[in-house]
């Protein structure tokens, strides 16, 4: 006779309860990317998200407290991927010139966040100004990126490629330039290529580090 442990491990459709929940969460994340990235956050109700994901409203609240939580989870996913892509791009570039390191880093970031128009809209448009909670999340990421950029500028100083000075404001300015340029590109209808955007950001980054 099967015990309670066997009952707890029962599967449906070949999936355990844990796997079914993970699969529902992933469907909601895909639905959020599709709707937030195409129709916009404000136009994407929980009901629409659930319909897109093929789950119930109850299922939604089992995974997320609100639409804000879903937006934050999506933003975390793409920005964490971008952060790791930049770190990986720089791993083998330690002895390359500053411009080459900037190019590798910028290309890794941009191609991760903007290769899919839905990710670009979510990352550069929909995440801004949603609520105090989302703004705190976005600013926390900005501070993390700024700290990383300042550390890279300090490495350039150590190599003799730049003069020592505070780089904190330059880091925040560069982040703003990236956001605005990619947003501008996303609205340009193909008038400029993503390579053009990357090249311009590299110019700005290199100048910011090497300016006296």
Protein backbone atom coordinates (compact mmCIF):
# COMPACT_ATOMS: atom_id res chain seq x y z
CA UNK A 1 0.00 0.00 0.00
CA UNK A 2 1.46 3.36 -1.02
CA UNK A 3 2.34 5.73 1.82
CA UNK A 4 1.85 9.46 2.02
CA UNK A 5 5.35 10.03 0.66
CA UNK A 6 4.40 8.28 -2.57
CA UNK A 7 1.28 10.42 -2.83
CA UNK A 8 3.31 13.60 -2.33
CA UNK A 9 5.61 12.57 -5.17
CA UNK A 10 2.73 11.86 -7.57
CA UNK A 11 3.19 13.37 -11.00
CA UNK A 12 0.66 14.71 -13.50
CA UNK A 13 1.45 14.72 -17.18
CA UNK A 14 4.95 13.51 -16.33
CA UNK A 15 5.66 16.57 -14.16
CA UNK A 16 5.96 16.81 -10.39
CA UNK A 17 4.14 19.56 -8.49
CA UNK A 18 7.41 21.52 -8.27
CA UNK A 19 8.02 21.14 -12.00
CA UNK A 20 4.46 22.18 -12.85
CA UNK A 21 4.82 25.32 -10.75
CA UNK A 22 8.16 26.16 -12.35
CA UNK A 23 6.61 25.65 -15.77
CA UNK A 24 3.69 27.97 -14.91
CA UNK A 25 6.09 30.62 -13.67
CA UNK A 26 8.07 30.39 -16.90
CA UNK A 27 4.86 30.75 -18.94
CA UNK A 28 4.00 33.89 -16.97
CA UNK A 29 7.49 35.29 -17.58
CA UNK A 30 7.14 34.63 -21.31
CA UNK A 31 3.70 36.25 -21.28
CA UNK A 32 5.11 39.27 -19.45
CA UNK A 33 7.90 39.64 -21.98
CA UNK A 34 5.46 39.40 -24.87
CA UNK A 35 2.87 41.84 -23.52
CA UNK A 36 5.13 44.30 -21.70
CA UNK A 37 7.50 44.24 -24.68
CA UNK A 38 4.86 44.73 -27.35
CA UNK A 39 1.77 46.39 -25.85
CA UNK A 40 3.47 48.01 -22.85
CA UNK A 41 3.25 47.58 -19.10
CA UNK A 42 0.29 49.92 -18.59
CA UNK A 43 -1.81 48.08 -21.18
CA UNK A 44 -1.08 44.61 -19.81
CA UNK A 45 -3.52 43.67 -17.07
CA UNK A 46 -3.12 40.60 -14.89
CA UNK A 47 -6.10 39.07 -16.70
CA UNK A 48 -4.39 39.56 -20.09
CA UNK A 49 -1.16 38.14 -18.75
CA UNK A 50 -2.97 35.06 -17.43
CA UNK A 51 -4.79 34.56 -20.74
CA UNK A 52 -1.51 34.85 -22.65
CA UNK A 53 0.18 32.38 -20.28
CA UNK A 54 -2.78 29.99 -20.12
CA UNK A 55 -2.95 30.06 -16.32
CA UNK A 56 -5.50 31.16 -13.74
CA UNK A 57 -5.39 34.37 -11.73
CA UNK A 58 -4.84 32.21 -8.66
CA UNK A 59 -1.77 30.72 -10.36
CA UNK A 60 -0.47 34.22 -11.02
CA UNK A 61 -0.65 35.21 -7.36
CA UNK A 62 1.04 31.97 -6.36
CA UNK A 63 4.11 33.18 -8.28
CA UNK A 64 4.00 36.98 -8.13
CA UNK A 65 2.50 39.50 -5.72
CA UNK A 66 1.74 41.97 -8.51
CA UNK A 67 2.49 42.99 -12.08
CA UNK A 68 5.37 45.01 -10.63
CA UNK A 69 6.93 41.82 -9.28
CA UNK A 70 6.67 40.21 -12.71
CA UNK A 71 8.25 43.26 -14.36
CA UNK A 72 11.09 43.27 -11.83
CA UNK A 73 11.68 39.53 -12.35
CA UNK A 74 11.93 40.04 -16.11
CA UNK A 75 14.23 43.04 -15.73
CA UNK A 76 16.45 41.09 -13.33
CA UNK A 77 16.64 38.21 -15.81
CA UNK A 78 17.85 40.28 -18.75
CA UNK A 79 20.13 42.65 -16.82
CA UNK A 80 21.79 39.81 -14.93
CA UNK A 81 22.42 38.10 -18.27
CA UNK A 82 23.87 41.35 -19.62
CA UNK A 83 26.07 41.80 -16.55
CA UNK A 84 27.48 38.30 -16.93
CA UNK A 85 27.94 38.79 -20.69
CA UNK A 86 30.01 41.93 -20.06
CA UNK A 87 32.14 40.21 -17.44
CA UNK A 88 32.73 37.28 -19.79
CA UNK A 89 33.62 39.61 -22.66
CA UNK A 90 36.28 41.27 -20.51
CA UNK A 91 37.77 38.09 -19.06
CA UNK A 92 40.12 37.54 -22.01
CA UNK A 93 40.67 41.22 -22.74
CA UNK A 94 42.84 42.16 -19.78
CA UNK A 95 45.85 43.12 -21.87
CA UNK A 96 44.04 44.68 -24.82
CA UNK A 97 43.87 48.46 -25.40
CA UNK A 98 41.16 50.49 -23.67
CA UNK A 99 39.08 51.00 -26.82
CA UNK A 100 39.06 47.26 -27.53
CA UNK A 101 37.91 46.50 -23.99
CA UNK A 102 35.19 49.13 -24.25
CA UNK A 103 34.03 47.70 -27.59
CA UNK A 104 33.82 44.18 -26.21
CA UNK A 105 31.93 45.28 -23.13
CA UNK A 106 29.49 47.56 -24.94
CA UNK A 107 28.76 45.00 -27.65
CA UNK A 108 28.11 42.31 -25.06
CA UNK A 109 25.70 44.54 -23.16
CA UNK A 110 23.83 45.90 -26.17
CA UNK A 111 23.47 42.62 -28.01
CA UNK A 112 22.12 41.00 -24.85
CA UNK A 113 19.58 43.68 -24.01
CA UNK A 114 18.56 44.89 -27.47
CA UNK A 115 18.80 41.91 -29.81
CA UNK A 116 15.10 41.23 -29.14
CA UNK A 117 12.91 44.36 -29.55
CA UNK A 118 10.74 43.20 -26.65
CA UNK A 119 13.73 43.07 -24.32
CA UNK A 120 14.84 46.50 -25.54
CA UNK A 121 11.43 48.04 -24.83
CA UNK A 122 11.21 46.43 -21.42
CA UNK A 123 14.78 47.37 -20.46
CA UNK A 124 14.91 50.92 -21.76
CA UNK A 125 11.29 52.10 -21.66
CA UNK A 126 8.78 50.09 -19.64
CA UNK A 127 10.92 49.78 -16.50
CA UNK A 128 11.10 53.56 -16.02
CA UNK A 129 8.71 55.41 -13.72
CA UNK A 130 6.33 52.54 -12.98
CA UNK A 131 6.28 52.92 -9.20
CA UNK A 132 8.51 53.70 -6.24
CA UNK A 133 9.30 50.01 -5.77
CA UNK A 134 10.30 49.52 -9.41
CA UNK A 135 12.32 52.74 -9.37
CA UNK A 136 14.23 51.53 -6.30
CA UNK A 137 14.97 48.30 -8.15
CA UNK A 138 16.10 50.15 -11.29
CA UNK A 139 18.30 52.56 -9.33
CA UNK A 140 19.87 49.68 -7.41
CA UNK A 141 20.91 48.18 -10.73
CA UNK A 142 22.18 51.58 -11.91
CA UNK A 143 24.35 51.82 -8.80
CA UNK A 144 25.68 48.32 -9.38
CA UNK A 145 26.59 49.18 -12.98
CA UNK A 146 28.12 52.49 -11.94
CA UNK A 147 30.32 50.74 -9.39
CA UNK A 148 31.43 48.29 -12.05
CA UNK A 149 32.22 51.08 -14.54
CA UNK A 150 34.19 53.02 -11.95
CA UNK A 151 36.24 49.92 -11.20
CA UNK A 152 37.00 49.47 -14.92
CA UNK A 153 38.04 53.13 -15.16
CA UNK A 154 40.35 52.62 -12.19
CA UNK A 155 41.95 49.69 -14.02
CA UNK A 156 42.58 52.00 -16.98
CA UNK A 157 44.27 54.46 -14.62
CA UNK A 158 46.43 51.67 -13.23
CA UNK A 159 47.53 50.77 -16.77
CA UNK A 160 48.47 54.35 -17.51
CA UNK A 161 45.66 54.78 -20.05
CA UNK A 162 43.90 57.53 -18.08
CA UNK A 163 44.56 60.08 -15.40
CA UNK A 164 43.29 59.56 -11.87
CA UNK A 165 40.08 61.43 -11.02
CA UNK A 166 36.61 60.65 -9.64
CA UNK A 167 34.67 58.65 -12.24
CA UNK A 168 31.32 58.31 -10.46
CA UNK A 169 29.52 61.04 -12.40
CA UNK A 170 30.99 59.85 -15.68
CA UNK A 171 29.68 56.35 -14.95
CA UNK A 172 26.14 57.60 -14.36
CA UNK A 173 26.34 59.80 -17.47
CA UNK A 174 27.45 56.82 -19.56
CA UNK A 175 24.55 54.72 -18.29
CA UNK A 176 22.17 57.51 -19.28
CA UNK A 177 23.76 57.77 -22.72
CA UNK A 178 23.35 54.04 -23.30
CA UNK A 179 19.69 54.15 -22.31
CA UNK A 180 18.89 57.13 -24.53
CA UNK A 181 20.85 55.91 -27.55
CA UNK A 182 19.32 52.44 -27.53
CA UNK A 183 15.85 53.91 -27.01
CA UNK A 184 16.47 56.29 -29.92
CA UNK A 185 17.65 53.37 -32.06
CA UNK A 186 14.55 51.33 -31.19
CA UNK A 187 12.33 54.15 -32.47
CA UNK A 188 14.38 54.89 -35.59
CA UNK A 189 12.78 52.24 -37.78
CA UNK A 190 16.12 50.90 -38.97
CA UNK A 191 17.58 54.26 -40.02
CA UNK A 192 20.67 53.51 -37.97
CA UNK A 193 22.17 50.11 -37.25
CA UNK A 194 22.86 48.70 -33.81
CA UNK A 195 26.54 48.73 -34.79
CA UNK A 196 26.29 52.52 -35.18
CA UNK A 197 24.88 52.75 -31.66
CA UNK A 198 27.61 50.52 -30.25
CA UNK A 199 30.33 52.58 -31.96
CA UNK A 200 28.91 55.83 -30.59
CA UNK A 201 28.72 54.45 -27.05
CA UNK A 202 32.32 53.25 -27.33
CA UNK A 203 33.38 56.78 -28.37
CA UNK A 204 31.58 58.27 -25.37
CA UNK A 205 32.96 55.68 -22.94
CA UNK A 206 36.53 56.02 -24.17
CA UNK A 207 36.35 59.81 -24.02
CA UNK A 208 34.84 59.72 -20.54
CA UNK A 209 37.70 57.61 -19.21
CA UNK A 210 40.56 59.40 -20.95
CA UNK A 211 39.38 63.02 -20.61
CA UNK A 212 41.68 65.06 -18.36
